[in-house]
């Protein structure tokens, strides 16, 4: 991961394994190849959902977790990312992420 610094314009927060928090512009994460969160805790499924054409409901645009269908679904408190790279969707990039402990 490139050196993290706080950005003047930001729309997400990244917490490192040492507990440091950085206010980051989400597009910067994707554009600089800093969108690798596999194994990190992520709020997709708690703060963001994606509903596909079949009314299946997923945690985030990344579809990291299946949450249910129609009106029968449960939001998560958080999840562990299982993707090698984030989708590049600013919505997914903006949710809070924490490094594994």
PDB file of N, CA and C in Angstrom:
ATOM      1  N   UNK A   1       0.843  -1.174   0.000  1.00  0.00           N
ATOM      2  CA  UNK A   1       0.000   0.000   0.000  1.00  0.00           C
ATOM      3  C   UNK A   1       0.889   1.237   0.000  1.00  0.00           C
ATOM      4  N   UNK A   2       0.571   2.188  -0.896  1.00  0.00           N
ATOM      5  CA  UNK A   2       1.309   3.446  -0.928  1.00  0.00           C
ATOM      6  C   UNK A   2       1.178   4.158   0.412  1.00  0.00           C
ATOM      7  N   UNK A   3       2.074   5.081   0.654  1.00  0.00           N
ATOM      8  CA  UNK A   3       2.045   5.840   1.891  1.00  0.00           C
ATOM      9  C   UNK A   3       0.701   6.552   2.051  1.00  0.00           C
ATOM     10  N   UNK A   4       0.025   6.295   3.141  1.00  0.00           N
ATOM     11  CA  UNK A   4      -1.247   6.947   3.391  1.00  0.00           C
ATOM     12  C   UNK A   4      -1.016   8.302   4.043  1.00  0.00           C
ATOM     13  N   UNK A   5      -1.759   9.283   3.602  1.00  0.00           N
ATOM     14  CA  UNK A   5      -1.764  10.607   4.211  1.00  0.00           C
ATOM     15  C   UNK A   5      -3.202  11.099   4.219  1.00  0.00           C
ATOM     16  N   UNK A   6      -3.510  11.986   5.115  1.00  0.00           N
ATOM     17  CA  UNK A   6      -4.845  12.565   5.145  1.00  0.00           C
ATOM     18  C   UNK A   6      -5.024  13.481   3.943  1.00  0.00           C
ATOM     19  N   UNK A   7      -6.200  13.413   3.347  1.00  0.00           N
ATOM     20  CA  UNK A   7      -6.534  14.251   2.204  1.00  0.00           C
ATOM     21  C   UNK A   7      -7.439  15.392   2.663  1.00  0.00           C
ATOM     22  N   UNK A   8      -7.298  16.553   2.024  1.00  0.00           N
ATOM     23  CA  UNK A   8      -8.180  17.677   2.342  1.00  0.00           C
ATOM     24  C   UNK A   8      -9.621  17.359   1.971  1.00  0.00           C
ATOM     25  N   UNK A   9      -9.817  16.774   0.799  1.00  0.00           N
ATOM     26  CA  UNK A   9     -11.129  16.280   0.384  1.00  0.00           C
ATOM     27  C   UNK A   9     -11.135  14.785   0.593  1.00  0.00           C
ATOM     28  N   UNK A  10     -12.047  14.290   1.400  1.00  0.00           N
ATOM     29  CA  UNK A  10     -12.093  12.852   1.674  1.00  0.00           C
ATOM     30  C   UNK A  10     -13.536  12.399   1.784  1.00  0.00           C
ATOM     31  N   UNK A  11     -13.744  11.119   1.558  1.00  0.00           N
ATOM     32  CA  UNK A  11     -15.077  10.546   1.713  1.00  0.00           C
ATOM     33  C   UNK A  11     -15.027   9.154   2.334  1.00  0.00           C
ATOM     34  N   UNK A  12     -13.853   8.772   2.867  1.00  0.00           N
ATOM     35  CA  UNK A  12     -13.774   7.500   3.581  1.00  0.00           C
ATOM     36  C   UNK A  12     -12.632   7.554   4.590  1.00  0.00           C
ATOM     37  N   UNK A  13     -12.603   6.544   5.442  1.00  0.00           N
ATOM     38  CA  UNK A  13     -11.581   6.464   6.474  1.00  0.00           C
ATOM     39  C   UNK A  13     -10.950   5.083   6.439  1.00  0.00           C
ATOM     40  N   UNK A  14      -9.623   5.042   6.542  1.00  0.00           N
ATOM     41  CA  UNK A  14      -8.882   3.787   6.587  1.00  0.00           C
ATOM     42  C   UNK A  14      -8.167   3.733   7.935  1.00  0.00           C
ATOM     43  N   UNK A  15      -8.320   2.611   8.644  1.00  0.00           N
ATOM     44  CA  UNK A  15      -7.617   2.406   9.910  1.00  0.00           C
ATOM     45  C   UNK A  15      -6.565   1.332   9.695  1.00  0.00           C
ATOM     46  N   UNK A  16      -5.312   1.638   9.979  1.00  0.00           N
ATOM     47  CA  UNK A  16      -4.216   0.691   9.760  1.00  0.00           C
ATOM     48  C   UNK A  16      -4.143  -0.319  10.896  1.00  0.00           C
ATOM     49  N   UNK A  17      -3.276  -1.308  10.716  1.00  0.00           N
ATOM     50  CA  UNK A  17      -3.107  -2.341  11.739  1.00  0.00           C
ATOM     51  C   UNK A  17      -2.577  -1.771  13.052  1.00  0.00           C
ATOM     52  N   UNK A  18      -1.969  -0.573  13.027  1.00  0.00           N
ATOM     53  CA  UNK A  18      -1.478   0.065  14.251  1.00  0.00           C
ATOM     54  C   UNK A  18      -2.504   1.004  14.864  1.00  0.00           C
ATOM     55  N   UNK A  19      -3.689   1.099  14.254  1.00  0.00           N
ATOM     56  CA  UNK A  19      -4.745   1.939  14.790  1.00  0.00           C
ATOM     57  C   UNK A  19      -4.757   3.358  14.244  1.00  0.00           C
ATOM     58  N   UNK A  20      -3.803   3.704  13.363  1.00  0.00           N
ATOM     59  CA  UNK A  20      -3.803   5.029  12.758  1.00  0.00           C
ATOM     60  C   UNK A  20      -5.008   5.153  11.823  1.00  0.00           C
ATOM     61  N   UNK A  21      -5.633   6.317  11.850  1.00  0.00           N
ATOM     62  CA  UNK A  21      -6.785   6.560  10.990  1.00  0.00           C
ATOM     63  C   UNK A  21      -6.444   7.644   9.983  1.00  0.00           C
ATOM     64  N   UNK A  22      -6.830   7.395   8.737  1.00  0.00           N
ATOM     65  CA  UNK A  22      -6.569   8.337   7.660  1.00  0.00           C
ATOM     66  C   UNK A  22      -7.864   8.659   6.944  1.00  0.00           C
ATOM     67  N   UNK A  23      -8.090   9.936   6.715  1.00  0.00           N
ATOM     68  CA  UNK A  23      -9.217  10.414   5.913  1.00  0.00           C
ATOM     69  C   UNK A  23      -8.735  10.456   4.475  1.00  0.00           C
ATOM     70  N   UNK A  24      -9.370   9.658   3.607  1.00  0.00           N
ATOM     71  CA  UNK A  24      -8.877   9.420   2.251  1.00  0.00           C
ATOM     72  C   UNK A  24      -9.995   9.685   1.235  1.00  0.00           C
ATOM     73  N   UNK A  25      -9.620  10.168   0.061  1.00  0.00           N
ATOM     74  CA  UNK A  25     -10.546  10.281  -1.062  1.00  0.00           C
ATOM     75  C   UNK A  25     -10.606   8.919  -1.747  1.00  0.00           C
ATOM     76  N   UNK A  26     -11.781   8.327  -1.819  1.00  0.00           N
ATOM     77  CA  UNK A  26     -11.937   6.947  -2.287  1.00  0.00           C
ATOM     78  C   UNK A  26     -11.348   6.705  -3.671  1.00  0.00           C
ATOM     79  N   UNK A  27     -11.554   7.617  -4.594  1.00  0.00           N
ATOM     80  CA  UNK A  27     -11.010   7.411  -5.937  1.00  0.00           C
ATOM     81  C   UNK A  27      -9.492   7.279  -5.921  1.00  0.00           C
ATOM     82  N   UNK A  28      -8.816   7.962  -4.993  1.00  0.00           N
ATOM     83  CA  UNK A  28      -7.361   7.863  -4.874  1.00  0.00           C
ATOM     84  C   UNK A  28      -6.965   6.426  -4.560  1.00  0.00           C
ATOM     85  N   UNK A  29      -7.734   5.761  -3.693  1.00  0.00           N
ATOM     86  CA  UNK A  29      -7.432   4.368  -3.346  1.00  0.00           C
ATOM     87  C   UNK A  29      -7.422   3.494  -4.595  1.00  0.00           C
ATOM     88  N   UNK A  30      -8.434   3.643  -5.414  1.00  0.00           N
ATOM     89  CA  UNK A  30      -8.537   2.824  -6.625  1.00  0.00           C
ATOM     90  C   UNK A  30      -7.488   3.231  -7.664  1.00  0.00           C
ATOM     91  N   UNK A  31      -7.326   4.522  -7.873  1.00  0.00           N
ATOM     92  CA  UNK A  31      -6.414   5.015  -8.911  1.00  0.00           C
ATOM     93  C   UNK A  31      -4.946   4.723  -8.609  1.00  0.00           C
ATOM     94  N   UNK A  32      -4.598   4.537  -7.347  1.00  0.00           N
ATOM     95  CA  UNK A  32      -3.204   4.270  -6.969  1.00  0.00           C
ATOM     96  C   UNK A  32      -2.994   2.808  -6.582  1.00  0.00           C
ATOM     97  N   UNK A  33      -3.956   1.948  -6.928  1.00  0.00           N
ATOM     98  CA  UNK A  33      -3.874   0.505  -6.661  1.00  0.00           C
ATOM     99  C   UNK A  33      -3.765   0.217  -5.159  1.00  0.00           C
ATOM    100  N   UNK A  34      -4.470   1.019  -4.359  1.00  0.00           N
ATOM    101  CA  UNK A  34      -4.523   0.822  -2.909  1.00  0.00           C
ATOM    102  C   UNK A  34      -5.883   0.294  -2.477  1.00  0.00           C
ATOM    103  N   UNK A  35      -6.491  -0.512  -3.318  1.00  0.00           N
ATOM    104  CA  UNK A  35      -7.830  -1.023  -3.019  1.00  0.00           C
ATOM    105  C   UNK A  35      -7.825  -2.537  -2.805  1.00  0.00           C
ATOM    106  N   UNK A  36      -6.813  -3.002  -2.096  1.00  0.00           N
ATOM    107  CA  UNK A  36      -6.687  -4.430  -1.780  1.00  0.00           C
ATOM    108  C   UNK A  36      -6.974  -4.617  -0.294  1.00  0.00           C
ATOM    109  N   UNK A  37      -8.167  -5.114   0.015  1.00  0.00           N
ATOM    110  CA  UNK A  37      -8.622  -5.195   1.401  1.00  0.00           C
ATOM    111  C   UNK A  37      -8.882  -6.631   1.851  1.00  0.00           C
ATOM    112  N   UNK A  38      -8.472  -7.598   1.080  1.00  0.00           N
ATOM    113  CA  UNK A  38      -8.749  -8.993   1.429  1.00  0.00           C
ATOM    114  C   UNK A  38      -8.259  -9.272   2.854  1.00  0.00           C
ATOM    115  N   UNK A  39      -9.149  -9.820   3.677  1.00  0.00           N
ATOM    116  CA  UNK A  39      -8.827 -10.115   5.068  1.00  0.00           C
ATOM    117  C   UNK A  39      -9.121  -8.971   6.024  1.00  0.00           C
ATOM    118  N   UNK A  40      -9.417  -7.788   5.496  1.00  0.00           N
ATOM    119  CA  UNK A  40      -9.742  -6.630   6.329  1.00  0.00           C
ATOM    120  C   UNK A  40     -11.218  -6.664   6.722  1.00  0.00           C
ATOM    121  N   UNK A  41     -11.544  -6.061   7.846  1.00  0.00           N
ATOM    122  CA  UNK A  41     -12.928  -5.862   8.254  1.00  0.00           C
ATOM    123  C   UNK A  41     -13.500  -4.717   7.424  1.00  0.00           C
ATOM    124  N   UNK A  42     -14.722  -4.887   6.940  1.00  0.00           N
ATOM    125  CA  UNK A  42     -15.347  -3.891   6.070  1.00  0.00           C
ATOM    126  C   UNK A  42     -16.809  -3.745   6.480  1.00  0.00           C
ATOM    127  N   UNK A  43     -17.342  -2.563   6.313  1.00  0.00           N
ATOM    128  CA  UNK A  43     -18.730  -2.301   6.682  1.00  0.00           C
ATOM    129  C   UNK A  43     -19.726  -2.538   5.545  1.00  0.00           C
ATOM    130  N   UNK A  44     -19.242  -3.066   4.393  1.00  0.00           N
ATOM    131  CA  UNK A  44     -20.179  -3.431   3.324  1.00  0.00           C
ATOM    132  C   UNK A  44     -21.112  -4.494   3.893  1.00  0.00           C
ATOM    133  N   UNK A  45     -22.374  -4.340   3.689  1.00  0.00           N
ATOM    134  CA  UNK A  45     -23.350  -5.255   4.273  1.00  0.00           C
ATOM    135  C   UNK A  45     -23.951  -4.679   5.540  1.00  0.00           C
ATOM    136  N   UNK A  46     -23.300  -3.682   6.113  1.00  0.00           N
ATOM    137  CA  UNK A  46     -23.846  -2.959   7.255  1.00  0.00           C
ATOM    138  C   UNK A  46     -24.292  -1.569   6.805  1.00  0.00           C
ATOM    139  N   UNK A  47     -23.442  -0.902   6.033  1.00  0.00           N
ATOM    140  CA  UNK A  47     -23.731   0.456   5.566  1.00  0.00           C
ATOM    141  C   UNK A  47     -24.146   0.517   4.111  1.00  0.00           C
ATOM    142  N   UNK A  48     -23.869  -0.515   3.344  1.00  0.00           N
ATOM    143  CA  UNK A  48     -24.195  -0.525   1.917  1.00  0.00           C
ATOM    144  C   UNK A  48     -24.761  -1.893   1.536  1.00  0.00           C
ATOM    145  N   UNK A  49     -25.799  -1.860   0.707  1.00  0.00           N
ATOM    146  CA  UNK A  49     -26.311  -3.107   0.147  1.00  0.00           C
ATOM    147  C   UNK A  49     -26.450  -2.930  -1.359  1.00  0.00           C
ATOM    148  N   UNK A  50     -26.498  -4.056  -2.040  1.00  0.00           N
ATOM    149  CA  UNK A  50     -26.721  -4.081  -3.480  1.00  0.00           C
ATOM    150  C   UNK A  50     -27.868  -5.052  -3.743  1.00  0.00           C
ATOM    151  N   UNK A  51     -28.860  -4.610  -4.506  1.00  0.00           N
ATOM    152  CA  UNK A  51     -30.000  -5.455  -4.849  1.00  0.00           C
ATOM    153  C   UNK A  51     -29.941  -5.711  -6.347  1.00  0.00           C
ATOM    154  N   UNK A  52     -29.836  -6.982  -6.728  1.00  0.00           N
ATOM    155  CA  UNK A  52     -29.745  -7.296  -8.153  1.00  0.00           C
ATOM    156  C   UNK A  52     -31.139  -7.454  -8.765  1.00  0.00           C
ATOM    157  N   UNK A  53     -31.184  -7.748 -10.050  1.00  0.00           N
ATOM    158  CA  UNK A  53     -32.461  -7.811 -10.774  1.00  0.00           C
ATOM    159  C   UNK A  53     -33.370  -8.938 -10.277  1.00  0.00           C
ATOM    160  N   UNK A  54     -32.811  -9.931  -9.595  1.00  0.00           N
ATOM    161  CA  UNK A  54     -33.603 -11.027  -9.047  1.00  0.00           C
ATOM    162  C   UNK A  54     -34.075 -10.743  -7.628  1.00  0.00           C
ATOM    163  N   UNK A  55     -33.800  -9.525  -7.142  1.00  0.00           N
ATOM    164  CA  UNK A  55     -34.099  -9.078  -5.788  1.00  0.00           C
ATOM    165  C   UNK A  55     -33.253  -9.792  -4.730  1.00  0.00           C
ATOM    166  N   UNK A  56     -32.141 -10.391  -5.155  1.00  0.00           N
ATOM    167  CA  UNK A  56     -31.176 -10.916  -4.195  1.00  0.00           C
ATOM    168  C   UNK A  56     -30.416  -9.729  -3.611  1.00  0.00           C
ATOM    169  N   UNK A  57     -30.156  -9.764  -2.317  1.00  0.00           N
ATOM    170  CA  UNK A  57     -29.539  -8.642  -1.621  1.00  0.00           C
ATOM    171  C   UNK A  57     -28.158  -9.052  -1.139  1.00  0.00           C
ATOM    172  N   UNK A  58     -27.193  -8.208  -1.449  1.00  0.00           N
ATOM    173  CA  UNK A  58     -25.783  -8.487  -1.173  1.00  0.00           C
ATOM    174  C   UNK A  58     -25.182  -7.371  -0.331  1.00  0.00           C
ATOM    175  N   UNK A  59     -24.126  -7.692   0.393  1.00  0.00           N
ATOM    176  CA  UNK A  59     -23.372  -6.701   1.134  1.00  0.00           C
ATOM    177  C   UNK A  59     -22.443  -5.952   0.199  1.00  0.00           C
ATOM    178  N   UNK A  60     -22.815  -4.739  -0.207  1.00  0.00           N
ATOM    179  CA  UNK A  60     -22.000  -3.925  -1.094  1.00  0.00           C
ATOM    180  C   UNK A  60     -22.118  -4.343  -2.548  1.00  0.00           C
ATOM    181  N   UNK A  61     -21.651  -3.450  -3.420  1.00  0.00           N
ATOM    182  CA  UNK A  61     -21.616  -3.723  -4.854  1.00  0.00           C
ATOM    183  C   UNK A  61     -20.706  -4.918  -5.151  1.00  0.00           C
ATOM    184  N   UNK A  62     -19.752  -5.171  -4.275  1.00  0.00           N
ATOM    185  CA  UNK A  62     -18.798  -6.269  -4.452  1.00  0.00           C
ATOM    186  C   UNK A  62     -19.437  -7.641  -4.278  1.00  0.00           C
ATOM    187  N   UNK A  63     -20.645  -7.676  -3.723  1.00  0.00           N
ATOM    188  CA  UNK A  63     -21.346  -8.935  -3.446  1.00  0.00           C
ATOM    189  C   UNK A  63     -20.506  -9.847  -2.557  1.00  0.00           C
ATOM    190  N   UNK A  64     -19.853  -9.271  -1.565  1.00  0.00           N
ATOM    191  CA  UNK A  64     -19.007 -10.042  -0.652  1.00  0.00           C
ATOM    192  C   UNK A  64     -19.815 -11.059   0.130  1.00  0.00           C
ATOM    193  N   UNK A  65     -21.018 -10.667   0.572  1.00  0.00           N
ATOM    194  CA  UNK A  65     -21.869 -11.555   1.375  1.00  0.00           C
ATOM    195  C   UNK A  65     -23.294 -11.530   0.837  1.00  0.00           C
ATOM    196  N   UNK A  66     -23.906 -12.704   0.767  1.00  0.00           N
ATOM    197  CA  UNK A  66     -25.317 -12.803   0.408  1.00  0.00           C
ATOM    198  C   UNK A  66     -26.126 -12.533   1.674  1.00  0.00           C
ATOM    199  N   UNK A  67     -27.049 -11.567   1.618  1.00  0.00           N
ATOM    200  CA  UNK A  67     -27.811 -11.176   2.802  1.00  0.00           C
ATOM    201  C   UNK A  67     -29.237 -11.705   2.805  1.00  0.00           C
ATOM    202  N   UNK A  68     -29.755 -12.083   1.643  1.00  0.00           N
ATOM    203  CA  UNK A  68     -31.124 -12.582   1.569  1.00  0.00           C
ATOM    204  C   UNK A  68     -31.772 -12.141   0.279  1.00  0.00           C
ATOM    205  N   UNK A  69     -33.100 -12.170   0.279  1.00  0.00           N
ATOM    206  CA  UNK A  69     -33.838 -11.805  -0.925  1.00  0.00           C
ATOM    207  C   UNK A  69     -35.101 -11.055  -0.546  1.00  0.00           C
ATOM    208  N   UNK A  70     -35.567 -10.189  -1.455  1.00  0.00           N
ATOM    209  CA  UNK A  70     -36.799  -9.440  -1.226  1.00  0.00           C
ATOM    210  C   UNK A  70     -36.787  -8.708   0.094  1.00  0.00           C
ATOM    211  N   UNK A  71     -37.788  -8.959   0.916  1.00  0.00           N
ATOM    212  CA  UNK A  71     -37.859  -8.333   2.234  1.00  0.00           C
ATOM    213  C   UNK A  71     -37.307  -9.236   3.327  1.00  0.00           C
ATOM    214  N   UNK A  72     -36.748 -10.369   2.970  1.00  0.00           N
ATOM    215  CA  UNK A  72     -36.212 -11.323   3.946  1.00  0.00           C
ATOM    216  C   UNK A  72     -34.685 -11.305   3.904  1.00  0.00           C
ATOM    217  N   UNK A  73     -34.084 -10.347   4.614  1.00  0.00           N
ATOM    218  CA  UNK A  73     -32.627 -10.251   4.650  1.00  0.00           C
ATOM    219  C   UNK A  73     -32.194  -9.641   5.979  1.00  0.00           C
ATOM    220  N   UNK A  74     -30.932  -9.844   6.324  1.00  0.00           N
ATOM    221  CA  UNK A  74     -30.357  -9.303   7.552  1.00  0.00           C
ATOM    222  C   UNK A  74     -29.098  -8.527   7.216  1.00  0.00           C
ATOM    223  N   UNK A  75     -28.993  -7.322   7.775  1.00  0.00           N
ATOM    224  CA  UNK A  75     -27.770  -6.546   7.632  1.00  0.00           C
ATOM    225  C   UNK A  75     -26.703  -7.120   8.557  1.00  0.00           C
ATOM    226  N   UNK A  76     -25.456  -6.950   8.196  1.00  0.00           N
ATOM    227  CA  UNK A  76     -24.335  -7.418   9.002  1.00  0.00           C
ATOM    228  C   UNK A  76     -23.810  -6.284   9.879  1.00  0.00           C
ATOM    229  N   UNK A  77     -23.119  -6.613  10.956  1.00  0.00           N
ATOM    230  CA  UNK A  77     -22.407  -5.591  11.734  1.00  0.00           C
ATOM    231  C   UNK A  77     -21.142  -5.198  10.992  1.00  0.00           C
ATOM    232  N   UNK A  78     -20.458  -6.169  10.450  1.00  0.00           N
ATOM    233  CA  UNK A  78     -19.294  -5.973   9.589  1.00  0.00           C
ATOM    234  C   UNK A  78     -19.012  -7.304   8.924  1.00  0.00           C
ATOM    235  N   UNK A  79     -18.065  -7.304   8.006  1.00  0.00           N
ATOM    236  CA  UNK A  79     -17.705  -8.522   7.300  1.00  0.00           C
ATOM    237  C   UNK A  79     -16.202  -8.535   7.088  1.00  0.00           C
ATOM    238  N   UNK A  80     -15.684  -9.666   6.698  1.00  0.00           N
ATOM    239  CA  UNK A  80     -14.281  -9.754   6.303  1.00  0.00           C
ATOM    240  C   UNK A  80     -14.245  -9.858   4.791  1.00  0.00           C
ATOM    241  N   UNK A  81     -13.490  -8.961   4.167  1.00  0.00           N
ATOM    242  CA  UNK A  81     -13.413  -8.930   2.714  1.00  0.00           C
ATOM    243  C   UNK A  81     -12.779 -10.217   2.187  1.00  0.00           C
ATOM    244  N   UNK A  82     -13.387 -10.786   1.146  1.00  0.00           N
ATOM    245  CA  UNK A  82     -12.831 -12.003   0.545  1.00  0.00           C
ATOM    246  C   UNK A  82     -12.420 -11.780  -0.908  1.00  0.00           C
ATOM    247  N   UNK A  83     -12.343 -10.512  -1.331  1.00  0.00           N
ATOM    248  CA  UNK A  83     -11.968 -10.182  -2.710  1.00  0.00           C
ATOM    249  C   UNK A  83     -10.515  -9.719  -2.765  1.00  0.00           C
ATOM    250  N   UNK A  84      -9.845 -10.020  -3.859  1.00  0.00           N
ATOM    251  CA  UNK A  84      -8.461  -9.564  -4.035  1.00  0.00           C
ATOM    252  C   UNK A  84      -8.381  -8.059  -4.235  1.00  0.00           C
ATOM    253  N   UNK A  85      -9.357  -7.489  -4.922  1.00  0.00           N
ATOM    254  CA  UNK A  85      -9.385  -6.059  -5.205  1.00  0.00           C
ATOM    255  C   UNK A  85     -10.802  -5.554  -5.009  1.00  0.00           C
ATOM    256  N   UNK A  86     -10.937  -4.360  -4.438  1.00  0.00           N
ATOM    257  CA  UNK A  86     -12.256  -3.756  -4.283  1.00  0.00           C
ATOM    258  C   UNK A  86     -12.825  -3.477  -5.673  1.00  0.00           C
ATOM    259  N   UNK A  87     -14.119  -3.329  -5.765  1.00  0.00           N
ATOM    260  CA  UNK A  87     -14.782  -3.189  -7.065  1.00  0.00           C
ATOM    261  C   UNK A  87     -14.399  -1.931  -7.824  1.00  0.00           C
ATOM    262  N   UNK A  88     -13.887  -0.937  -7.143  1.00  0.00           N
ATOM    263  CA  UNK A  88     -13.649   0.350  -7.779  1.00  0.00           C
ATOM    264  C   UNK A  88     -14.876   1.227  -7.703  1.00  0.00           C
ATOM    265  N   UNK A  89     -15.957   0.681  -7.191  1.00  0.00           N
ATOM    266  CA  UNK A  89     -17.181   1.445  -6.969  1.00  0.00           C
ATOM    267  C   UNK A  89     -16.953   2.343  -5.752  1.00  0.00           C
ATOM    268  N   UNK A  90     -17.101   3.634  -5.948  1.00  0.00           N
ATOM    269  CA  UNK A  90     -16.848   4.569  -4.858  1.00  0.00           C
ATOM    270  C   UNK A  90     -17.701   4.232  -3.641  1.00  0.00           C
ATOM    271  N   UNK A  91     -18.905   3.749  -3.844  1.00  0.00           N
ATOM    272  CA  UNK A  91     -19.762   3.360  -2.722  1.00  0.00           C
ATOM    273  C   UNK A  91     -19.089   2.308  -1.849  1.00  0.00           C
ATOM    274  N   UNK A  92     -18.502   1.280  -2.456  1.00  0.00           N
ATOM    275  CA  UNK A  92     -17.814   0.240  -1.686  1.00  0.00           C
ATOM    276  C   UNK A  92     -16.533   0.780  -1.061  1.00  0.00           C
ATOM    277  N   UNK A  93     -15.837   1.638  -1.774  1.00  0.00           N
ATOM    278  CA  UNK A  93     -14.581   2.175  -1.259  1.00  0.00           C
ATOM    279  C   UNK A  93     -14.777   3.105  -0.067  1.00  0.00           C
ATOM    280  N   UNK A  94     -15.945   3.738   0.039  1.00  0.00           N
ATOM    281  CA  UNK A  94     -16.153   4.717   1.097  1.00  0.00           C
ATOM    282  C   UNK A  94     -16.531   4.117   2.437  1.00  0.00           C
ATOM    283  N   UNK A  95     -16.916   2.838   2.482  1.00  0.00           N
ATOM    284  CA  UNK A  95     -17.285   2.262   3.777  1.00  0.00           C
ATOM    285  C   UNK A  95     -16.026   2.064   4.628  1.00  0.00           C
ATOM    286  N   UNK A  96     -16.187   2.139   5.927  1.00  0.00           N
ATOM    287  CA  UNK A  96     -15.081   2.019   6.849  1.00  0.00           C
ATOM    288  C   UNK A  96     -14.431   0.656   6.739  1.00  0.00           C
ATOM    289  N   UNK A  97     -13.093   0.646   6.744  1.00  0.00           N
ATOM    290  CA  UNK A  97     -12.305  -0.593   6.673  1.00  0.00           C
ATOM    291  C   UNK A  97     -11.276  -0.580   7.794  1.00  0.00           C
ATOM    292  N   UNK A  98     -11.026  -1.742   8.382  1.00  0.00           N
ATOM    293  CA  UNK A  98     -10.045  -1.876   9.453  1.00  0.00           C
ATOM    294  C   UNK A  98      -9.098  -3.029   9.125  1.00  0.00           C
ATOM    295  N   UNK A  99      -7.822  -2.794   9.319  1.00  0.00           N
ATOM    296  CA  UNK A  99      -6.828  -3.857   9.102  1.00  0.00           C
ATOM    297  C   UNK A  99      -7.047  -4.970  10.106  1.00  0.00           C
ATOM    298  N   UNK A 100      -6.732  -6.219   9.725  1.00  0.00           N
ATOM    299  CA  UNK A 100      -6.869  -7.335  10.668  1.00  0.00           C
ATOM    300  C   UNK A 100      -5.899  -7.163  11.838  1.00  0.00           C
ATOM    301  N   UNK A 101      -6.323  -7.649  12.991  1.00  0.00           N
ATOM    302  CA  UNK A 101      -5.465  -7.534  14.188  1.00  0.00           C
ATOM    303  C   UNK A 101      -4.653  -8.769  14.390  1.00  0.00           C
TER     304      UNK A 101
END
